[in-house]
C-alpha atoms as a PDB file:
ATOM      1  CA  UNK A   1      -9.977 -23.150 -14.670  1.00  0.00           C
ATOM      2  CA  UNK A   2      -8.426 -22.679 -11.593  1.00  0.00           C
ATOM      3  CA  UNK A   3      -8.661 -18.959 -11.355  1.00  0.00           C
ATOM      4  CA  UNK A   4     -11.842 -18.915 -12.460  1.00  0.00           C
ATOM      5  CA  UNK A   5     -13.366 -20.921 -10.066  1.00  0.00           C
ATOM      6  CA  UNK A   6     -11.566 -18.681  -7.702  1.00  0.00           C
ATOM      7  CA  UNK A   7     -13.334 -15.793  -9.498  1.00  0.00           C
ATOM      8  CA  UNK A   8     -16.795 -17.908  -8.749  1.00  0.00           C
ATOM      9  CA  UNK A   9     -16.255 -17.581  -4.986  1.00  0.00           C
ATOM     10  CA  UNK A  10     -15.019 -14.204  -4.285  1.00  0.00           C
ATOM     11  CA  UNK A  11     -18.287 -12.320  -3.612  1.00  0.00           C
ATOM     12  CA  UNK A  12     -19.027 -15.043  -1.242  1.00  0.00           C
ATOM     13  CA  UNK A  13     -16.270 -14.145   0.612  1.00  0.00           C
ATOM     14  CA  UNK A  14     -16.315 -12.281   4.140  1.00  0.00           C
ATOM     15  CA  UNK A  15     -12.908 -12.834   6.052  1.00  0.00           C
ATOM     16  CA  UNK A  16     -10.333 -12.286   3.425  1.00  0.00           C
ATOM     17  CA  UNK A  17      -7.140 -10.471   4.260  1.00  0.00           C
ATOM     18  CA  UNK A  18      -5.630  -7.381   2.505  1.00  0.00           C
ATOM     19  CA  UNK A  19      -1.783  -7.853   2.592  1.00  0.00           C
ATOM     20  CA  UNK A  20      -0.135  -5.003   4.394  1.00  0.00           C
ATOM     21  CA  UNK A  21       2.640  -2.758   2.514  1.00  0.00           C
ATOM     22  CA  UNK A  22       6.059  -2.148   3.064  1.00  0.00           C
ATOM     23  CA  UNK A  23       8.899  -0.380   1.112  1.00  0.00           C
ATOM     24  CA  UNK A  24      10.567   2.560   2.087  1.00  0.00           C
ATOM     25  CA  UNK A  25      13.089   5.467   0.946  1.00  0.00           C
ATOM     26  CA  UNK A  26      16.364   6.721   1.860  1.00  0.00           C
ATOM     27  CA  UNK A  27      16.408   9.989   3.815  1.00  0.00           C
ATOM     28  CA  UNK A  28      17.058  11.953   0.852  1.00  0.00           C
ATOM     29  CA  UNK A  29      13.925  11.144  -0.514  1.00  0.00           C
ATOM     30  CA  UNK A  30      12.331  12.705   2.441  1.00  0.00           C
ATOM     31  CA  UNK A  31      12.270  16.152   1.000  1.00  0.00           C
ATOM     32  CA  UNK A  32      10.091  14.894  -1.838  1.00  0.00           C
ATOM     33  CA  UNK A  33       6.575  15.646  -0.137  1.00  0.00           C
ATOM     34  CA  UNK A  34       7.503  19.294   0.659  1.00  0.00           C
ATOM     35  CA  UNK A  35       8.630  19.640  -2.847  1.00  0.00           C
ATOM     36  CA  UNK A  36       5.502  18.304  -3.998  1.00  0.00           C
ATOM     37  CA  UNK A  37       3.301  20.414  -1.280  1.00  0.00           C
ATOM     38  CA  UNK A  38       4.563  23.041  -2.768  1.00  0.00           C
ATOM     39  CA  UNK A  39       4.112  22.167  -6.862  1.00  0.00           C
ATOM     40  CA  UNK A  40       7.456  21.154  -7.634  1.00  0.00           C
ATOM     41  CA  UNK A  41       8.090  17.696  -8.874  1.00  0.00           C
ATOM     42  CA  UNK A  42       7.366  14.577  -7.059  1.00  0.00           C
ATOM     43  CA  UNK A  43      10.523  13.012  -7.383  1.00  0.00           C
ATOM     44  CA  UNK A  44      12.697  11.825  -5.020  1.00  0.00           C
ATOM     45  CA  UNK A  45      15.248  14.695  -4.617  1.00  0.00           C
ATOM     46  CA  UNK A  46      15.092  18.309  -4.819  1.00  0.00           C
ATOM     47  CA  UNK A  47      15.313  21.111  -2.446  1.00  0.00           C
ATOM     48  CA  UNK A  48      12.952  21.597   0.489  1.00  0.00           C
ATOM     49  CA  UNK A  49      10.035  23.883  -0.135  1.00  0.00           C
ATOM     50  CA  UNK A  50       7.584  25.975   1.901  1.00  0.00           C
ATOM     51  CA  UNK A  51       4.222  24.849   2.697  1.00  0.00           C
ATOM     52  CA  UNK A  52       1.249  26.245   0.677  1.00  0.00           C
ATOM     53  CA  UNK A  53      -1.642  26.416   3.014  1.00  0.00           C
ATOM     54  CA  UNK A  54      -5.047  27.229   2.637  1.00  0.00           C
ATOM     55  CA  UNK A  55      -7.122  29.063   5.082  1.00  0.00           C
ATOM     56  CA  UNK A  56      -9.494  27.075   7.098  1.00  0.00           C
ATOM     57  CA  UNK A  57     -11.784  28.221  10.197  1.00  0.00           C
ATOM     58  CA  UNK A  58     -11.896  24.371  11.764  1.00  0.00           C
ATOM     59  CA  UNK A  59      -9.612  22.529  13.824  1.00  0.00           C
ATOM     60  CA  UNK A  60     -10.115  19.330  16.660  1.00  0.00           C
ATOM     61  CA  UNK A  61     -12.123  20.432  19.729  1.00  0.00           C
ATOM     62  CA  UNK A  62     -11.507  16.869  20.781  1.00  0.00           C
ATOM     63  CA  UNK A  63      -9.917  13.525  20.616  1.00  0.00           C
ATOM     64  CA  UNK A  64      -9.043  12.500  16.641  1.00  0.00           C
ATOM     65  CA  UNK A  65      -9.694   8.577  15.780  1.00  0.00           C
ATOM     66  CA  UNK A  66      -7.169   7.522  13.212  1.00  0.00           C
ATOM     67  CA  UNK A  67      -8.356   4.099  12.356  1.00  0.00           C
ATOM     68  CA  UNK A  68      -6.232   1.533  10.865  1.00  0.00           C
ATOM     69  CA  UNK A  69      -7.071  -1.820   8.989  1.00  0.00           C
ATOM     70  CA  UNK A  70      -4.106  -3.228  10.226  1.00  0.00           C
ATOM     71  CA  UNK A  71      -2.903  -4.216  13.419  1.00  0.00           C
ATOM     72  CA  UNK A  72       0.061  -2.675  15.787  1.00  0.00           C
ATOM     73  CA  UNK A  73       3.455  -2.818  14.886  1.00  0.00           C
ATOM     74  CA  UNK A  74       3.298  -3.141  11.057  1.00  0.00           C
ATOM     75  CA  UNK A  75       4.333  -0.070   8.784  1.00  0.00           C
ATOM     76  CA  UNK A  76       0.632   1.121   8.050  1.00  0.00           C
ATOM     77  CA  UNK A  77      -0.106   1.449  11.877  1.00  0.00           C
ATOM     78  CA  UNK A  78       3.388   2.595  12.546  1.00  0.00           C
ATOM     79  CA  UNK A  79       3.757   5.285   9.685  1.00  0.00           C
ATOM     80  CA  UNK A  80      -0.240   6.310  11.590  1.00  0.00           C
ATOM     81  CA  UNK A  81       1.901   6.842  14.467  1.00  0.00           C
ATOM     82  CA  UNK A  82       4.238   9.453  13.082  1.00  0.00           C
ATOM     83  CA  UNK A  83       1.384  11.344  11.910  1.00  0.00           C
ATOM     84  CA  UNK A  84      -0.246  11.250  15.259  1.00  0.00           C
ATOM     85  CA  UNK A  85       2.952  12.228  17.467  1.00  0.00           C
ATOM     86  CA  UNK A  86       3.425  15.391  14.984  1.00  0.00           C
ATOM     87  CA  UNK A  87       0.167  15.936  14.369  1.00  0.00           C
ATOM     88  CA  UNK A  88       0.043  16.522  18.246  1.00  0.00           C
ATOM     89  CA  UNK A  89       3.029  18.420  18.581  1.00  0.00           C
ATOM     90  CA  UNK A  90       1.705  20.750  15.850  1.00  0.00           C
ATOM     91  CA  UNK A  91      -1.780  21.434  16.885  1.00  0.00           C
ATOM     92  CA  UNK A  92      -1.832  20.546  20.708  1.00  0.00           C
ATOM     93  CA  UNK A  93      -4.854  18.067  19.846  1.00  0.00           C
ATOM     94  CA  UNK A  94      -5.013  14.068  20.834  1.00  0.00           C
ATOM     95  CA  UNK A  95      -4.583  11.824  18.068  1.00  0.00           C
ATOM     96  CA  UNK A  96      -5.098   7.838  18.383  1.00  0.00           C
ATOM     97  CA  UNK A  97      -4.440   5.214  16.400  1.00  0.00           C
ATOM     98  CA  UNK A  98      -7.318   2.618  16.894  1.00  0.00           C
ATOM     99  CA  UNK A  99      -6.670  -0.653  14.918  1.00  0.00           C
ATOM    100  CA  UNK A 100      -9.573  -2.473  13.414  1.00  0.00           C
ATOM    101  CA  UNK A 101      -8.247  -5.134  11.567  1.00  0.00           C
ATOM    102  CA  UNK A 102     -10.408  -7.731   9.977  1.00  0.00           C
ATOM    103  CA  UNK A 103     -12.451  -8.665   6.846  1.00  0.00           C
ATOM    104  CA  UNK A 104     -10.737  -6.995   3.774  1.00  0.00           C
ATOM    105  CA  UNK A 105     -10.327  -3.748   6.034  1.00  0.00           C
ATOM    106  CA  UNK A 106     -14.072  -3.475   5.496  1.00  0.00           C
ATOM    107  CA  UNK A 107     -13.985  -3.230   9.720  1.00  0.00           C
ATOM    108  CA  UNK A 108     -12.049  -0.551   9.601  1.00  0.00           C
ATOM    109  CA  UNK A 109     -13.711   1.120   6.853  1.00  0.00           C
ATOM    110  CA  UNK A 110     -17.454   0.379   8.044  1.00  0.00           C
ATOM    111  CA  UNK A 111     -16.712   1.792  11.260  1.00  0.00           C
ATOM    112  CA  UNK A 112     -15.394   5.346   9.794  1.00  0.00           C
ATOM    113  CA  UNK A 113     -18.865   5.132   7.181  1.00  0.00           C
ATOM    114  CA  UNK A 114     -20.975   5.274  10.443  1.00  0.00           C
ATOM    115  CA  UNK A 115     -19.175   8.023  12.406  1.00  0.00           C
ATOM    116  CA  UNK A 116     -19.993  11.700  12.410  1.00  0.00           C
ATOM    117  CA  UNK A 117     -18.725  13.184   9.702  1.00  0.00           C
ATOM    118  CA  UNK A 118     -16.882  16.202  11.953  1.00  0.00           C
ATOM    119  CA  UNK A 119     -13.643  15.440  10.981  1.00  0.00           C
ATOM    120  CA  UNK A 120     -12.718  13.535  14.376  1.00  0.00           C
ATOM    121  CA  UNK A 121     -12.535  10.245  12.785  1.00  0.00           C
ATOM    122  CA  UNK A 122     -10.603   9.277   9.707  1.00  0.00           C
ATOM    123  CA  UNK A 123      -9.625   5.918   7.957  1.00  0.00           C
ATOM    124  CA  UNK A 124      -5.694   5.610   7.166  1.00  0.00           C
ATOM    125  CA  UNK A 125      -4.753   3.302   4.290  1.00  0.00           C
ATOM    126  CA  UNK A 126      -3.883   2.295   1.113  1.00  0.00           C
ATOM    127  CA  UNK A 127      -5.971   0.736  -1.616  1.00  0.00           C
ATOM    128  CA  UNK A 128      -8.262  -1.417   0.542  1.00  0.00           C
ATOM    129  CA  UNK A 129     -11.328   0.369   0.026  1.00  0.00           C
ATOM    130  CA  UNK A 130     -10.984  -0.337  -3.552  1.00  0.00           C
ATOM    131  CA  UNK A 131      -9.646  -3.702  -3.258  1.00  0.00           C
ATOM    132  CA  UNK A 132     -12.092  -5.395  -0.817  1.00  0.00           C
ATOM    133  CA  UNK A 133     -15.075  -3.556  -3.529  1.00  0.00           C
ATOM    134  CA  UNK A 134     -13.417  -5.676  -6.394  1.00  0.00           C
ATOM    135  CA  UNK A 135     -13.127  -8.940  -4.353  1.00  0.00           C
ATOM    136  CA  UNK A 136     -16.996  -8.865  -3.667  1.00  0.00           C
ATOM    137  CA  UNK A 137     -16.514  -8.017   0.279  1.00  0.00           C
ATOM    138  CA  UNK A 138     -17.970  -4.822   0.332  1.00  0.00           C
ATOM    139  CA  UNK A 139     -20.446  -2.791  -2.008  1.00  0.00           C
ATOM    140  CA  UNK A 140     -18.710   0.155  -1.928  1.00  0.00           C
ATOM    141  CA  UNK A 141     -15.306   1.630  -3.101  1.00  0.00           C
ATOM    142  CA  UNK A 142     -13.534   4.732  -2.302  1.00  0.00           C
ATOM    143  CA  UNK A 143     -16.043   6.986  -3.525  1.00  0.00           C
ATOM    144  CA  UNK A 144     -18.340   6.270  -0.717  1.00  0.00           C
ATOM    145  CA  UNK A 145     -16.040   8.630   1.275  1.00  0.00           C
ATOM    146  CA  UNK A 146     -14.076  11.887   0.944  1.00  0.00           C
ATOM    147  CA  UNK A 147     -10.861  11.584   0.061  1.00  0.00           C
ATOM    148  CA  UNK A 148      -8.174  13.809   1.957  1.00  0.00           C
ATOM    149  CA  UNK A 149      -4.207  14.186   1.876  1.00  0.00           C
ATOM    150  CA  UNK A 150      -2.145  11.422   1.376  1.00  0.00           C
ATOM    151  CA  UNK A 151       0.632  11.195   4.086  1.00  0.00           C
ATOM    152  CA  UNK A 152       2.986   8.260   2.614  1.00  0.00           C
ATOM    153  CA  UNK A 153       4.149   5.816  -0.184  1.00  0.00           C
ATOM    154  CA  UNK A 154       4.809   2.661  -0.097  1.00  0.00           C
ATOM    155  CA  UNK A 155       6.328   1.088  -3.578  1.00  0.00           C
ATOM    156  CA  UNK A 156       4.478  -1.811  -5.180  1.00  0.00           C
ATOM    157  CA  UNK A 157       5.204  -5.144  -3.614  1.00  0.00           C
ATOM    158  CA  UNK A 158       8.289  -6.844  -4.952  1.00  0.00           C
ATOM    159  CA  UNK A 159       8.618 -10.534  -5.976  1.00  0.00           C
ATOM    160  CA  UNK A 160      11.040 -12.944  -3.817  1.00  0.00           C
ATOM    161  CA  UNK A 161      12.267 -15.998  -4.367  1.00  0.00           C
ATOM    162  CA  UNK A 162      14.338 -18.521  -2.074  1.00  0.00           C
ATOM    163  CA  UNK A 163      18.191 -17.650  -3.029  1.00  0.00           C
ATOM    164  CA  UNK A 164      18.799 -21.313  -2.630  1.00  0.00           C
ATOM    165  CA  UNK A 165      16.238 -22.077  -5.917  1.00  0.00           C
ATOM    166  CA  UNK A 166      16.613 -19.333  -8.334  1.00  0.00           C
ATOM    167  CA  UNK A 167      18.932 -17.367  -9.408  1.00  0.00           C
ATOM    168  CA  UNK A 168      17.063 -14.196 -10.676  1.00  0.00           C
ATOM    169  CA  UNK A 169      14.182 -13.729 -12.511  1.00  0.00           C
ATOM    170  CA  UNK A 170      15.054 -15.218 -15.570  1.00  0.00           C
ATOM    171  CA  UNK A 171      15.816 -18.865 -13.584  1.00  0.00           C
ATOM    172  CA  UNK A 172      12.070 -18.533 -12.171  1.00  0.00           C
ATOM    173  CA  UNK A 173      10.189 -17.930 -15.358  1.00  0.00           C
ATOM    174  CA  UNK A 174      12.219 -20.364 -17.207  1.00  0.00           C
ATOM    175  CA  UNK A 175      11.414 -22.976 -14.054  1.00  0.00           C
ATOM    176  CA  UNK A 176       7.839 -21.758 -14.260  1.00  0.00           C
ATOM    177  CA  UNK A 177       7.245 -22.651 -17.661  1.00  0.00           C
ATOM    178  CA  UNK A 178       8.910 -25.965 -17.514  1.00  0.00           C
ATOM    179  CA  UNK A 179       6.217 -27.117 -14.857  1.00  0.00           C
ATOM    180  CA  UNK A 180       2.664 -24.792 -15.855  1.00  0.00           C
ATOM    181  CA  UNK A 181       0.613 -24.895 -12.660  1.00  0.00           C
ATOM    182  CA  UNK A 182       3.042 -26.606 -10.421  1.00  0.00           C
ATOM    183  CA  UNK A 183       5.486 -23.106  -8.798  1.00  0.00           C
ATOM    184  CA  UNK A 184       3.423 -22.061  -5.942  1.00  0.00           C
ATOM    185  CA  UNK A 185       3.160 -18.264  -4.964  1.00  0.00           C
ATOM    186  CA  UNK A 186       1.546 -17.295  -1.712  1.00  0.00           C
ATOM    187  CA  UNK A 187      -1.151 -14.623  -1.274  1.00  0.00           C
ATOM    188  CA  UNK A 188      -4.154 -14.207   0.222  1.00  0.00           C
ATOM    189  CA  UNK A 189      -7.264 -14.903  -2.474  1.00  0.00           C
ATOM    190  CA  UNK A 190      -8.703 -11.763  -3.699  1.00  0.00           C
ATOM    191  CA  UNK A 191      -6.010  -9.617  -2.004  1.00  0.00           C
ATOM    192  CA  UNK A 192      -3.977  -6.642  -3.345  1.00  0.00           C
ATOM    193  CA  UNK A 193      -0.683  -9.266  -3.742  1.00  0.00           C
ATOM    194  CA  UNK A 194      -3.692 -11.458  -5.710  1.00  0.00           C
ATOM    195  CA  UNK A 195      -4.211  -9.087  -8.383  1.00  0.00           C
ATOM    196  CA  UNK A 196      -0.987  -8.616  -8.383  1.00  0.00           C
ATOM    197  CA  UNK A 197       0.556 -12.413  -9.027  1.00  0.00           C
ATOM    198  CA  UNK A 198      -2.100 -12.705 -11.766  1.00  0.00           C
ATOM    199  CA  UNK A 199      -0.806  -9.553 -13.585  1.00  0.00           C
ATOM    200  CA  UNK A 200       2.631 -10.976 -13.407  1.00  0.00           C
ATOM    201  CA  UNK A 201       1.311 -14.461 -14.568  1.00  0.00           C
ATOM    202  CA  UNK A 202      -0.199 -12.684 -17.980  1.00  0.00           C
ATOM    203  CA  UNK A 203       2.678 -10.380 -18.079  1.00  0.00           C
ATOM    204  CA  UNK A 204       5.564 -13.048 -17.756  1.00  0.00           C
ATOM    205  CA  UNK A 205       3.221 -16.100 -20.132  1.00  0.00           C
ATOM    206  CA  UNK A 206       3.421 -18.066 -17.246  1.00  0.00           C
ATOM    207  CA  UNK A 207       0.642 -20.086 -14.890  1.00  0.00           C
ATOM    208  CA  UNK A 208       1.496 -20.460 -11.131  1.00  0.00           C
ATOM    209  CA  UNK A 209      -0.148 -22.162  -8.221  1.00  0.00           C
ATOM    210  CA  UNK A 210      -1.601 -19.298  -6.106  1.00  0.00           C
ATOM    211  CA  UNK A 211      -2.193 -20.605  -2.418  1.00  0.00           C
ATOM    212  CA  UNK A 212      -3.522 -18.651   0.633  1.00  0.00           C
ATOM    213  CA  UNK A 213      -0.754 -19.629   3.615  1.00  0.00           C
ATOM    214  CA  UNK A 214      -1.669 -16.469   5.558  1.00  0.00           C
ATOM    215  CA  UNK A 215      -0.388 -13.675   7.452  1.00  0.00           C
ATOM    216  CA  UNK A 216       3.118 -12.002   6.419  1.00  0.00           C
ATOM    217  CA  UNK A 217       4.801 -13.954   8.677  1.00  0.00           C
ATOM    218  CA  UNK A 218       3.133 -17.250   7.719  1.00  0.00           C
ATOM    219  CA  UNK A 219       3.966 -16.345   4.010  1.00  0.00           C
ATOM    220  CA  UNK A 220       8.116 -16.081   4.809  1.00  0.00           C
ATOM    221  CA  UNK A 221       7.904 -19.182   7.031  1.00  0.00           C
ATOM    222  CA  UNK A 222       6.361 -20.880   4.047  1.00  0.00           C
ATOM    223  CA  UNK A 223       9.345 -19.668   1.919  1.00  0.00           C
ATOM    224  CA  UNK A 224      11.796 -20.383   4.083  1.00  0.00           C
ATOM    225  CA  UNK A 225      10.680 -23.865   4.577  1.00  0.00           C
ATOM    226  CA  UNK A 226      10.632 -24.491   0.674  1.00  0.00           C
ATOM    227  CA  UNK A 227       6.324 -24.832   0.888  1.00  0.00           C
ATOM    228  CA  UNK A 228       6.168 -21.799  -1.933  1.00  0.00           C
ATOM    229  CA  UNK A 229       8.740 -20.485  -4.773  1.00  0.00           C
ATOM    230  CA  UNK A 230       7.454 -16.578  -4.791  1.00  0.00           C
ATOM    231  CA  UNK A 231       6.294 -14.201  -2.706  1.00  0.00           C
ATOM    232  CA  UNK A 232       4.936 -11.101  -3.045  1.00  0.00           C
ATOM    233  CA  UNK A 233       6.774  -9.183   0.159  1.00  0.00           C
ATOM    234  CA  UNK A 234       7.335  -5.599   1.069  1.00  0.00           C
ATOM    235  CA  UNK A 235      10.780  -4.840   1.710  1.00  0.00           C
ATOM    236  CA  UNK A 236      10.174  -3.781   5.514  1.00  0.00           C
ATOM    237  CA  UNK A 237       9.179  -7.536   5.989  1.00  0.00           C
ATOM    238  CA  UNK A 238      12.150  -9.025   3.695  1.00  0.00           C
ATOM    239  CA  UNK A 239      15.261  -6.955   3.985  1.00  0.00           C
ATOM    240  CA  UNK A 240      16.720  -9.043   6.600  1.00  0.00           C
ATOM    241  CA  UNK A 241      16.110 -12.226   4.546  1.00  0.00           C
ATOM    242  CA  UNK A 242      17.713 -10.267   1.609  1.00  0.00           C
ATOM    243  CA  UNK A 243      20.470  -9.143   3.902  1.00  0.00           C
ATOM    244  CA  UNK A 244      21.357 -13.280   5.382  1.00  0.00           C
ATOM    245  CA  UNK A 245      21.191 -14.019   1.800  1.00  0.00           C
ATOM    246  CA  UNK A 246      18.050 -16.410   2.375  1.00  0.00           C
ATOM    247  CA  UNK A 247      15.707 -14.726  -0.264  1.00  0.00           C
ATOM    248  CA  UNK A 248      16.333 -13.168  -3.576  1.00  0.00           C
ATOM    249  CA  UNK A 249      14.254 -10.065  -5.041  1.00  0.00           C
ATOM    250  CA  UNK A 250      13.730 -10.925  -8.583  1.00  0.00           C
ATOM    251  CA  UNK A 251      12.008  -7.644  -9.538  1.00  0.00           C
ATOM    252  CA  UNK A 252      10.033  -5.061  -8.701  1.00  0.00           C
ATOM    253  CA  UNK A 253       6.668  -4.380 -10.527  1.00  0.00           C
ATOM    254  CA  UNK A 254       7.710  -0.147 -10.131  1.00  0.00           C
ATOM    255  CA  UNK A 255       7.636   2.211 -13.110  1.00  0.00           C
ATOM    256  CA  UNK A 256      10.913   2.876 -12.266  1.00  0.00           C
ATOM    257  CA  UNK A 257      13.499   2.242  -9.145  1.00  0.00           C
ATOM    258  CA  UNK A 258      13.443   3.358  -6.005  1.00  0.00           C
ATOM    259  CA  UNK A 259      16.289   4.949  -3.966  1.00  0.00           C
ATOM    260  CA  UNK A 260      15.438   1.922  -0.821  1.00  0.00           C
ATOM    261  CA  UNK A 261      16.018  -0.816  -3.647  1.00  0.00           C
ATOM    262  CA  UNK A 262      18.216   0.892  -6.221  1.00  0.00           C
ATOM    263  CA  UNK A 263      20.033  -2.690  -6.485  1.00  0.00           C
ATOM    264  CA  UNK A 264      16.951  -4.330  -7.370  1.00  0.00           C
ATOM    265  CA  UNK A 265      15.875  -3.955 -10.928  1.00  0.00           C
ATOM    266  CA  UNK A 266      12.536  -3.331 -12.077  1.00  0.00           C
ATOM    267  CA  UNK A 267      10.200  -6.428 -13.800  1.00  0.00           C
ATOM    268  CA  UNK A 268       9.967  -3.943 -17.302  1.00  0.00           C
ATOM    269  CA  UNK A 269      13.826  -3.351 -17.301  1.00  0.00           C
ATOM    270  CA  UNK A 270      14.170  -7.099 -17.601  1.00  0.00           C
ATOM    271  CA  UNK A 271      11.689  -7.570 -20.128  1.00  0.00           C
ATOM    272  CA  UNK A 272       8.541  -8.539 -18.052  1.00  0.00           C
ATOM    273  CA  UNK A 273       6.476  -5.199 -18.965  1.00  0.00           C
ATOM    274  CA  UNK A 274       4.230  -4.999 -15.681  1.00  0.00           C
ATOM    275  CA  UNK A 275       3.455  -1.866 -13.601  1.00  0.00           C
ATOM    276  CA  UNK A 276       1.460  -2.434 -10.366  1.00  0.00           C
ATOM    277  CA  UNK A 277      -0.070   0.670  -8.060  1.00  0.00           C
ATOM    278  CA  UNK A 278       1.996   1.717  -5.393  1.00  0.00           C
ATOM    279  CA  UNK A 279       0.590   1.535  -2.195  1.00  0.00           C
ATOM    280  CA  UNK A 280      -0.269   5.478  -1.053  1.00  0.00           C
ATOM    281  CA  UNK A 281      -1.576   6.004   2.291  1.00  0.00           C
ATOM    282  CA  UNK A 282      -4.216   8.493   2.154  1.00  0.00           C
ATOM    283  CA  UNK A 283      -6.937   9.616   4.730  1.00  0.00           C
ATOM    284  CA  UNK A 284     -10.189   8.680   4.411  1.00  0.00           C
ATOM    285  CA  UNK A 285     -13.375  11.083   5.815  1.00  0.00           C
ATOM    286  CA  UNK A 286     -17.273   9.939   5.889  1.00  0.00           C
ATOM    287  CA  UNK A 287     -18.656  11.436   2.830  1.00  0.00           C
ATOM    288  CA  UNK A 288     -20.212  14.649   4.327  1.00  0.00           C
ATOM    289  CA  UNK A 289     -17.309  16.294   5.792  1.00  0.00           C
ATOM    290  CA  UNK A 290     -16.757  19.705   5.072  1.00  0.00           C
ATOM    291  CA  UNK A 291     -14.310  21.314   2.766  1.00  0.00           C
ATOM    292  CA  UNK A 292     -12.770  23.440   6.284  1.00  0.00           C
ATOM    293  CA  UNK A 293     -11.892  19.710   7.739  1.00  0.00           C
ATOM    294  CA  UNK A 294     -10.000  18.484   4.555  1.00  0.00           C
ATOM    295  CA  UNK A 295      -8.120  21.840   3.839  1.00  0.00           C
ATOM    296  CA  UNK A 296      -7.052  21.491   7.858  1.00  0.00           C
ATOM    297  CA  UNK A 297      -5.617  17.955   7.137  1.00  0.00           C
ATOM    298  CA  UNK A 298      -4.420  18.979   3.864  1.00  0.00           C
ATOM    299  CA  UNK A 299      -2.100  21.854   5.523  1.00  0.00           C
ATOM    300  CA  UNK A 300      -1.297  19.861   8.509  1.00  0.00           C
ATOM    301  CA  UNK A 301       0.307  17.122   6.787  1.00  0.00           C
ATOM    302  CA  UNK A 302       2.369  19.866   4.318  1.00  0.00           C
ATOM    303  CA  UNK A 303       3.742  21.095   7.644  1.00  0.00           C
ATOM    304  CA  UNK A 304       4.103  17.349   9.102  1.00  0.00           C
ATOM    305  CA  UNK A 305       6.267  16.469   6.225  1.00  0.00           C
ATOM    306  CA  UNK A 306       8.194  19.737   5.708  1.00  0.00           C
ATOM    307  CA  UNK A 307       9.658  19.105   8.807  1.00  0.00           C
ATOM    308  CA  UNK A 308      13.085  17.409   8.425  1.00  0.00           C
ATOM    309  CA  UNK A 309      12.493  15.264  11.496  1.00  0.00           C
ATOM    310  CA  UNK A 310       8.882  14.013  11.097  1.00  0.00           C
ATOM    311  CA  UNK A 311      10.194  13.104   7.022  1.00  0.00           C
ATOM    312  CA  UNK A 312      12.653  10.857   8.619  1.00  0.00           C
ATOM    313  CA  UNK A 313      10.337   9.165  11.189  1.00  0.00           C
ATOM    314  CA  UNK A 314       8.242   7.937   8.297  1.00  0.00           C
ATOM    315  CA  UNK A 315      11.511   6.867   6.577  1.00  0.00           C
ATOM    316  CA  UNK A 316      12.648   4.961   9.906  1.00  0.00           C
ATOM    317  CA  UNK A 317       9.272   2.839   9.048  1.00  0.00           C
ATOM    318  CA  UNK A 318      10.287   1.776   5.420  1.00  0.00           C
ATOM    319  CA  UNK A 319       8.345   4.344   3.967  1.00  0.00           C
ATOM    320  CA  UNK A 320       8.324   7.408   1.605  1.00  0.00           C
ATOM    321  CA  UNK A 321       7.072  10.875   2.847  1.00  0.00           C
ATOM    322  CA  UNK A 322       4.565  11.553   0.217  1.00  0.00           C
ATOM    323  CA  UNK A 323       2.094  14.314  -0.129  1.00  0.00           C
ATOM    324  CA  UNK A 324      -0.781  14.360  -2.538  1.00  0.00           C
ATOM    325  CA  UNK A 325      -3.523  16.700  -2.240  1.00  0.00           C
ATOM    326  CA  UNK A 326      -7.411  15.678  -1.380  1.00  0.00           C
ATOM    327  CA  UNK A 327      -8.327  16.276  -5.046  1.00  0.00           C
ATOM    328  CA  UNK A 328      -5.384  14.463  -6.385  1.00  0.00           C
ATOM    329  CA  UNK A 329      -5.939  11.255  -3.757  1.00  0.00           C
ATOM    330  CA  UNK A 330      -9.328  10.833  -5.045  1.00  0.00           C
ATOM    331  CA  UNK A 331      -7.992  11.053  -9.081  1.00  0.00           C
ATOM    332  CA  UNK A 332      -5.316   8.594  -8.228  1.00  0.00           C
ATOM    333  CA  UNK A 333      -7.860   6.317  -5.732  1.00  0.00           C
ATOM    334  CA  UNK A 334      -9.628   6.295  -9.240  1.00  0.00           C
ATOM    335  CA  UNK A 335      -6.782   5.310 -11.260  1.00  0.00           C
ATOM    336  CA  UNK A 336      -5.757   2.699  -9.001  1.00  0.00           C
ATOM    337  CA  UNK A 337      -9.442   1.045  -8.591  1.00  0.00           C
ATOM    338  CA  UNK A 338      -9.560   1.118 -12.692  1.00  0.00           C
ATOM    339  CA  UNK A 339      -6.492  -0.715 -12.440  1.00  0.00           C
ATOM    340  CA  UNK A 340      -6.919  -3.370 -10.193  1.00  0.00           C
ATOM    341  CA  UNK A 341     -10.655  -4.035 -11.833  1.00  0.00           C
ATOM    342  CA  UNK A 342      -8.997  -4.670 -15.424  1.00  0.00           C
ATOM    343  CA  UNK A 343      -6.921  -7.357 -13.875  1.00  0.00           C
ATOM    344  CA  UNK A 344     -10.087  -9.064 -12.008  1.00  0.00           C
ATOM    345  CA  UNK A 345     -12.583  -8.505 -14.864  1.00  0.00           C
ATOM    346  CA  UNK A 346      -9.982 -10.073 -17.512  1.00  0.00           C
ATOM    347  CA  UNK A 347     -10.163 -13.051 -14.776  1.00  0.00           C
ATOM    348  CA  UNK A 348     -13.705 -13.140 -14.671  1.00  0.00           C
ATOM    349  CA  UNK A 349     -13.929 -13.757 -18.426  1.00  0.00           C
END
């Protein structure tokens, strides 16, 4: 009943927030983007490959605005600034990051949709336009945009518990089954992590009390104080607490282990069959943007990620350099949208 009631109020919410994603990769993974750009494997490894570019006559004629649906300082913002720095170095054009947080990313998305389709303004983010639509905040999803390339990947948010309370995944699940609906998990209702937790409940056969506690810093404070029992989190936000022994990561909802969290098992290998969409950071342009513009950015992203210094800069903000062309980016957004919408539709039943 709790989740059905929550589902009915999602359409009326106009100011929910998307959880920022974190994660990362060791330097060895920085060659993956260049390898995939040349048509090779996208696995985290392999030798760097030559960049394959597409002919285009377009280039920026004025400052390019990279609209970021997050505040300054997070890894969404920081990775956008990595792109801006190397894009300027390689083209001579000015690229600036415009922070436009609020309303589940729709403030930033609406700003881009209302911009000229001239290649000088684009949205940089992950999953946001899809989750906002599924939650009823907007009446559009990724199809309202023309997808450009994907620049970076962040693993799906891992699940963290207070180390003093729970030793591992089994201990948490046993405690949840012993007290149905009583263990608290922090999220933002209708956001990326909200649907992740719903999927985790189903896969683990448990019922949690999902509470909206606010920002990432608020979630961490709630965890440290013992107010909540479980937190989906990005590695960049949790690694210091892991190292200090305050947090334990009980699993990652990924298909396989990532280099950065190689010691953390996936949920699947522990018997909980859950794989949740990663955070793939892509470029979203106004729908009427020309193919020449898209080709320019595909070429530029490939060239940047093929530069070892640039790829390392992405890894240094705990993200994985990761290239998809515009066609593959759009296909992947469709897959992500359908996955999360399936979770939401099941909730509404």
